[in-house]
Amino acid sequence: MEWFLEPFALGFQQRALLGGLIAGVMASVVGVWLVLRGMSFFGDAFVHGVLPGIAAAVVFDFSPYLGAAVAAVVMVAGIEYVHRTTTLKEDTGIGLLFVGMLALGVVIISKTDSYTGSLTSILFGDALGVTRRDLVSQGVIAVLVIIGSLLLYRPLLVLSFSPQKAQALGMRPKLVHALLLVLIAAAVIGSFRSVGTMLLFGLLVGPPATAALISRTVPRMIVYSIAIASVSVWVGLLLSYHLGTAGSATMALVPIVAFFAVLTTTRFRGELRRRAVRGTPSHDGLSLAAVLDPLREGRP
């Protein structure tokens, strides 16, 4: 029992756990919609897109939350500008802004004397350096993200299935999409101190993708995603303490490992069942498309 409790005996270790849990919940909730809508690449770019704002906040000494918010707006506006004014597909604009914003952030932070330390903290977080003030800010943002997700549940559900149907039902898909981006931005802004901008993507996509393999309805996917993210944070910090590895990186790695473990297990079980019952297709290894099947059948 001591092996499990010792890593969380001190105050800063407890704050690291709480900060990671809050980050995991926020990221996994909004990450469900990224996975269902096939927006994982956008999520990756978006997470990196806030780097210039945070870097500017470090250099010019103002709120990193404000800097990240401004950078998020610039990121989205740039993607929309490329998409609307050219014949290029949206992923081209995402790729350009992904690299451009990341590079700009590094350029800005390189102007500081503590270049390496500041850049490492922004990109990879400082789980063990989370303060009480950080936790309060995180908690407020987490409440807003969860409330926003609940209010937008039905429109996001329909939008994930069919933008045309959402339009026909008067759900204003463009506005819903914009509000989803706000929720993603809020989750990123509220989590970068705990897990960093680069590693947050592991919690943003890993738990929802894993949940998609074992759930057949969206509500269950959300619940499983939160549970997987929470366990990943706890196990990540536990392993980090005993193995002497970076806390933030270990937290982000656990859900990725969990995804491939669950994927391999479900495929193996499916193969055994197919051999046992010839001609009967297995539904153990569910794809993301299978998660949307109940929606097509009118069972959200």
Protein backbone atom coordinates (compact mmCIF):
# COMPACT_ATOMS: atom_id res chain seq x y z
CA MET A 1 0.00 0.00 0.00
CA GLU A 2 2.88 2.35 0.77
CA TRP A 3 4.05 1.95 -2.86
CA PHE A 4 0.78 3.55 -3.98
CA LEU A 5 0.48 6.25 -1.31
CA GLU A 6 4.07 7.46 -0.93
CA PRO A 7 4.11 9.46 -4.23
CA PHE A 8 1.25 11.63 -2.95
CA ALA A 9 2.31 12.18 0.66
CA LEU A 10 3.53 15.76 0.25
CA GLY A 11 1.52 18.87 -0.57
CA PHE A 12 3.12 19.61 -3.94
CA GLN A 13 2.56 15.98 -4.98
CA GLN A 14 -1.11 16.21 -4.06
CA ARG A 15 -1.43 19.45 -6.04
CA ALA A 16 0.21 17.73 -9.00
CA LEU A 17 -2.38 14.94 -8.81
CA LEU A 18 -5.31 17.33 -8.48
CA GLY A 19 -4.04 19.55 -11.30
CA GLY A 20 -3.56 16.53 -13.54
CA LEU A 21 -7.04 15.21 -12.74
CA ILE A 22 -8.66 18.54 -13.60
CA ALA A 23 -6.67 18.74 -16.83
CA GLY A 24 -7.58 15.15 -17.69
CA VAL A 25 -11.30 15.69 -17.15
CA MET A 26 -11.39 18.86 -19.25
CA ALA A 27 -9.31 17.40 -22.05
CA SER A 28 -11.19 14.09 -22.19
CA VAL A 29 -14.63 15.70 -22.27
CA VAL A 30 -13.93 17.98 -25.23
CA GLY A 31 -11.68 15.34 -26.78
CA VAL A 32 -14.70 13.07 -27.30
CA TRP A 33 -16.07 15.49 -29.88
CA LEU A 34 -12.69 15.84 -31.57
CA VAL A 35 -12.49 12.07 -31.99
CA LEU A 36 -16.10 11.63 -33.12
CA ARG A 37 -15.79 14.42 -35.69
CA GLY A 38 -12.40 13.30 -36.99
CA MET A 39 -10.72 16.52 -35.86
CA SER A 40 -7.71 15.02 -34.11
CA PHE A 41 -5.22 16.73 -36.43
CA PHE A 42 -6.93 20.05 -35.80
CA GLY A 43 -6.76 19.40 -32.06
CA ASP A 44 -3.03 18.73 -32.27
CA ALA A 45 -2.47 21.95 -34.23
CA PHE A 46 -4.71 23.90 -31.89
CA VAL A 47 -2.83 22.73 -28.81
CA HIS A 48 0.44 23.93 -30.33
CA GLY A 49 -1.17 27.11 -31.64
CA VAL A 50 -1.39 28.71 -28.21
CA LEU A 51 2.39 28.58 -27.75
CA PRO A 52 3.10 32.10 -29.10
CA GLY A 53 0.57 33.64 -26.71
CA ILE A 54 2.04 31.91 -23.68
CA ALA A 55 5.58 32.74 -24.84
CA ALA A 56 4.65 36.41 -25.26
CA ALA A 57 3.15 36.40 -21.77
CA VAL A 58 6.45 35.07 -20.36
CA VAL A 59 8.54 37.65 -22.24
CA PHE A 60 6.31 40.70 -21.61
CA ASP A 61 5.05 39.65 -18.17
CA PHE A 62 1.27 39.45 -18.52
CA SER A 63 -1.28 36.72 -17.92
CA PRO A 64 -0.47 33.51 -19.84
CA TYR A 65 -4.19 32.74 -19.93
CA LEU A 66 -4.81 35.97 -21.85
CA GLY A 67 -1.90 35.25 -24.17
CA ALA A 68 -3.13 31.72 -24.88
CA ALA A 69 -6.66 33.01 -25.57
CA VAL A 70 -5.42 35.60 -28.07
CA ALA A 71 -3.21 33.02 -29.80
CA ALA A 72 -6.17 30.61 -30.04
CA VAL A 73 -8.29 33.28 -31.74
CA VAL A 74 -5.48 34.07 -34.19
CA MET A 75 -5.05 30.35 -34.93
CA VAL A 76 -8.72 29.80 -35.75
CA ALA A 77 -8.97 33.02 -37.75
CA GLY A 78 -5.91 32.08 -39.80
CA ILE A 79 -7.29 28.64 -40.62
CA GLU A 80 -10.64 30.10 -41.65
CA TYR A 81 -8.92 32.76 -43.77
CA VAL A 82 -6.92 30.17 -45.73
CA HIS A 83 -9.98 27.95 -46.14
CA ARG A 84 -12.32 30.71 -47.34
CA THR A 85 -9.97 32.63 -49.62
CA THR A 86 -8.31 29.72 -51.43
CA THR A 87 -9.35 26.45 -53.03
CA LEU A 88 -7.10 24.56 -50.63
CA LYS A 89 -8.62 22.12 -48.17
CA GLU A 90 -8.88 23.04 -44.51
CA ASP A 91 -6.09 20.68 -43.46
CA THR A 92 -3.63 22.77 -45.50
CA GLY A 93 -4.37 25.84 -43.41
CA ILE A 94 -4.19 23.75 -40.25
CA GLY A 95 -0.77 22.40 -41.22
CA LEU A 96 0.57 25.85 -42.09
CA LEU A 97 -0.66 27.44 -38.86
CA PHE A 98 0.50 24.42 -36.86
CA VAL A 99 4.11 24.89 -37.91
CA GLY A 100 3.95 28.67 -38.07
CA MET A 101 2.51 29.21 -34.58
CA LEU A 102 4.86 26.65 -33.03
CA ALA A 103 7.87 28.29 -34.68
CA LEU A 104 6.72 31.78 -33.70
CA GLY A 105 6.37 30.68 -30.09
CA VAL A 106 9.91 29.30 -30.04
CA VAL A 107 11.24 32.49 -31.66
CA ILE A 108 9.52 34.66 -29.03
CA ILE A 109 10.65 32.58 -26.06
CA SER A 110 14.23 32.49 -27.41
CA LYS A 111 14.48 36.20 -26.56
CA THR A 112 14.48 35.40 -22.84
CA ASP A 113 17.58 34.65 -20.80
CA SER A 114 16.01 31.47 -19.43
CA TYR A 115 15.15 30.26 -22.93
CA THR A 116 15.57 26.53 -22.33
CA GLY A 117 13.81 26.45 -18.97
CA SER A 118 10.86 28.56 -20.10
CA LEU A 119 10.39 26.61 -23.32
CA THR A 120 10.52 23.28 -21.49
CA SER A 121 7.97 24.46 -18.93
CA ILE A 122 5.54 25.66 -21.62
CA LEU A 123 5.87 22.66 -23.92
CA PHE A 124 6.05 19.90 -21.31
CA GLY A 125 4.46 21.48 -18.26
CA ASP A 126 5.55 21.40 -14.64
CA ALA A 127 3.22 18.99 -12.87
CA LEU A 128 5.08 19.22 -9.56
CA GLY A 129 5.13 23.02 -9.70
CA VAL A 130 1.35 23.54 -9.72
CA THR A 131 0.30 26.10 -7.10
CA ARG A 132 -2.95 26.61 -5.22
CA ARG A 133 -3.66 29.62 -7.42
CA ASP A 134 -3.20 27.46 -10.52
CA LEU A 135 -5.67 24.93 -9.13
CA VAL A 136 -8.29 27.61 -8.50
CA SER A 137 -7.94 28.92 -12.06
CA GLN A 138 -8.06 25.39 -13.42
CA GLY A 139 -11.13 24.56 -11.38
CA VAL A 140 -13.05 27.60 -12.61
CA ILE A 141 -12.19 26.85 -16.24
CA ALA A 142 -13.07 23.17 -15.76
CA VAL A 143 -16.53 24.05 -14.44
CA LEU A 144 -17.14 26.31 -17.44
CA VAL A 145 -15.95 23.64 -19.88
CA ILE A 146 -18.14 20.93 -18.34
CA ILE A 147 -21.22 23.18 -18.19
CA GLY A 148 -20.62 24.25 -21.80
CA SER A 149 -20.28 20.62 -22.89
CA LEU A 150 -23.55 19.69 -21.20
CA LEU A 151 -25.41 22.61 -22.77
CA LEU A 152 -24.04 21.79 -26.22
CA TYR A 153 -24.44 18.01 -25.93
CA ARG A 154 -27.42 17.65 -28.27
CA PRO A 155 -26.17 20.05 -30.99
CA LEU A 156 -22.69 18.49 -30.90
CA LEU A 157 -24.20 15.01 -31.09
CA VAL A 158 -26.21 15.86 -34.20
CA LEU A 159 -23.30 17.78 -35.72
CA SER A 160 -21.00 14.77 -35.25
CA PHE A 161 -23.50 12.62 -37.16
CA SER A 162 -24.59 15.00 -39.91
CA PRO A 163 -23.93 18.74 -40.34
CA GLN A 164 -26.76 18.81 -42.89
CA LYS A 165 -29.22 17.40 -40.37
CA ALA A 166 -28.03 19.88 -37.75
CA GLN A 167 -28.68 22.69 -40.24
CA ALA A 168 -32.11 21.34 -41.09
CA LEU A 169 -33.03 21.18 -37.40
CA GLY A 170 -32.03 24.81 -36.95
CA MET A 171 -29.11 24.02 -34.64
CA ARG A 172 -26.75 26.50 -36.33
CA PRO A 173 -23.82 24.13 -36.91
CA LYS A 174 -21.32 26.92 -37.60
CA LEU A 175 -22.05 28.51 -34.24
CA VAL A 176 -21.90 25.13 -32.50
CA HIS A 177 -18.55 24.43 -34.17
CA ALA A 178 -17.23 27.81 -33.02
CA LEU A 179 -18.38 27.14 -29.46
CA LEU A 180 -16.65 23.75 -29.56
CA LEU A 181 -13.43 25.55 -30.48
CA VAL A 182 -13.95 27.84 -27.48
CA LEU A 183 -14.30 24.79 -25.22
CA ILE A 184 -11.13 23.25 -26.67
CA ALA A 185 -9.26 26.51 -26.20
CA ALA A 186 -10.47 26.75 -22.61
CA ALA A 187 -9.33 23.18 -21.89
CA VAL A 188 -5.91 23.91 -23.38
CA ILE A 189 -5.55 27.20 -21.51
CA GLY A 190 -6.60 25.59 -18.25
CA SER A 191 -4.29 22.60 -18.58
CA PHE A 192 -0.96 23.76 -20.01
CA ARG A 193 0.59 24.46 -16.60
CA SER A 194 0.01 20.86 -15.46
CA VAL A 195 0.85 18.85 -18.58
CA GLY A 196 2.23 21.40 -21.08
CA THR A 197 0.95 22.28 -24.53
CA MET A 198 2.64 19.43 -26.38
CA LEU A 199 1.73 16.69 -23.93
CA LEU A 200 -1.87 17.81 -23.46
CA PHE A 201 -2.70 16.20 -26.79
CA GLY A 202 -2.16 12.78 -25.19
CA LEU A 203 -5.00 13.46 -22.73
CA LEU A 204 -7.10 15.20 -25.38
CA VAL A 205 -7.23 12.24 -27.78
CA GLY A 206 -5.90 9.18 -25.92
CA PRO A 207 -8.76 8.63 -23.42
CA PRO A 208 -11.61 9.35 -25.92
CA ALA A 209 -10.02 7.10 -28.56
CA THR A 210 -9.64 4.30 -26.01
CA ALA A 211 -13.22 4.83 -24.81
CA ALA A 212 -14.42 4.55 -28.42
CA LEU A 213 -13.11 0.98 -28.53
CA ILE A 214 -15.19 -0.19 -25.58
CA SER A 215 -18.39 1.90 -25.75
CA ARG A 216 -21.32 1.86 -28.13
CA THR A 217 -23.06 5.08 -27.12
CA VAL A 218 -21.75 8.61 -26.78
CA PRO A 219 -22.73 9.07 -23.10
CA ARG A 220 -20.79 5.93 -22.18
CA MET A 221 -17.89 7.12 -24.29
CA ILE A 222 -17.78 10.37 -22.32
CA VAL A 223 -17.93 8.57 -18.95
CA TYR A 224 -15.27 6.03 -19.96
CA SER A 225 -13.09 8.79 -21.37
CA ILE A 226 -13.14 10.70 -18.07
CA ALA A 227 -12.41 7.51 -16.13
CA ILE A 228 -9.49 6.57 -18.40
CA ALA A 229 -8.04 10.08 -18.20
CA SER A 230 -8.28 10.10 -14.39
CA VAL A 231 -6.62 6.70 -14.06
CA SER A 232 -3.95 7.75 -16.57
CA VAL A 233 -3.05 10.81 -14.50
CA TRP A 234 -2.83 8.79 -11.28
CA VAL A 235 -0.84 5.94 -12.85
CA GLY A 236 1.37 8.43 -14.70
CA LEU A 237 2.37 10.27 -11.53
CA LEU A 238 2.79 6.97 -9.69
CA LEU A 239 5.16 5.62 -12.33
CA SER A 240 6.93 8.95 -12.61
CA TYR A 241 7.75 8.91 -8.90
CA HIS A 242 9.04 5.35 -8.77
CA LEU A 243 10.83 5.36 -12.13
CA GLY A 244 12.25 8.88 -11.88
CA THR A 245 10.66 10.03 -15.15
CA ALA A 246 9.05 13.36 -16.11
CA GLY A 247 5.58 13.56 -14.55
CA SER A 248 3.80 15.37 -17.38
CA ALA A 249 5.25 13.16 -20.08
CA THR A 250 4.41 9.97 -18.18
CA MET A 251 0.81 11.15 -17.67
CA ALA A 252 0.46 11.80 -21.39
CA LEU A 253 2.06 8.47 -22.34
CA VAL A 254 -0.19 6.23 -20.23
CA PRO A 255 -3.45 6.77 -22.21
CA ILE A 256 -1.60 6.13 -25.49
CA VAL A 257 -0.26 2.84 -24.17
CA ALA A 258 -3.74 2.04 -22.84
CA PHE A 259 -5.25 2.63 -26.28
CA PHE A 260 -3.00 0.10 -28.00
CA ALA A 261 -3.42 -2.37 -25.14
CA VAL A 262 -7.21 -2.18 -25.38
CA LEU A 263 -7.10 -2.29 -29.18
CA THR A 264 -4.94 -5.43 -29.15
CA THR A 265 -7.11 -7.08 -26.51
CA THR A 266 -10.41 -6.39 -28.28
CA ARG A 267 -9.05 -7.60 -31.60
CA PHE A 268 -7.70 -10.76 -29.99
CA ARG A 269 -11.02 -11.46 -28.26
CA GLY A 270 -12.85 -10.80 -31.49
CA GLU A 271 -10.68 -13.29 -33.34
CA LEU A 272 -11.28 -15.95 -30.69
CA ARG A 273 -15.02 -15.39 -30.88
CA ARG A 274 -15.04 -15.57 -34.65
CA ARG A 275 -13.26 -18.91 -34.47
CA ALA A 276 -15.72 -20.17 -31.86
CA VAL A 277 -18.80 -19.02 -33.76
CA ARG A 278 -18.17 -19.39 -37.46
CA GLY A 279 -19.81 -16.83 -39.65
CA THR A 280 -20.72 -14.54 -36.74
CA PRO A 281 -19.02 -11.13 -36.94
CA SER A 282 -17.43 -9.88 -33.78
CA HIS A 283 -18.31 -6.50 -32.27
CA ASP A 284 -15.70 -6.50 -29.55
CA GLY A 285 -13.23 -4.29 -31.40
CA LEU A 286 -15.30 -1.22 -32.10
CA SER A 287 -14.10 1.51 -34.42
CA LEU A 288 -14.99 5.15 -34.14
CA ALA A 289 -17.59 4.62 -36.85
CA ALA A 290 -19.25 2.03 -34.62
CA VAL A 291 -19.68 4.65 -31.94
CA LEU A 292 -21.83 6.61 -34.37
CA ASP A 293 -23.99 3.62 -35.34
CA PRO A 294 -26.54 4.25 -32.58
CA LEU A 295 -26.89 7.81 -33.89
CA ARG A 296 -27.72 6.52 -37.36
CA GLU A 297 -30.34 4.28 -35.77
CA GLY A 298 -31.81 7.18 -33.86
CA ARG A 299 -30.45 6.03 -30.46
CA PRO A 300 -28.14 8.76 -29.10
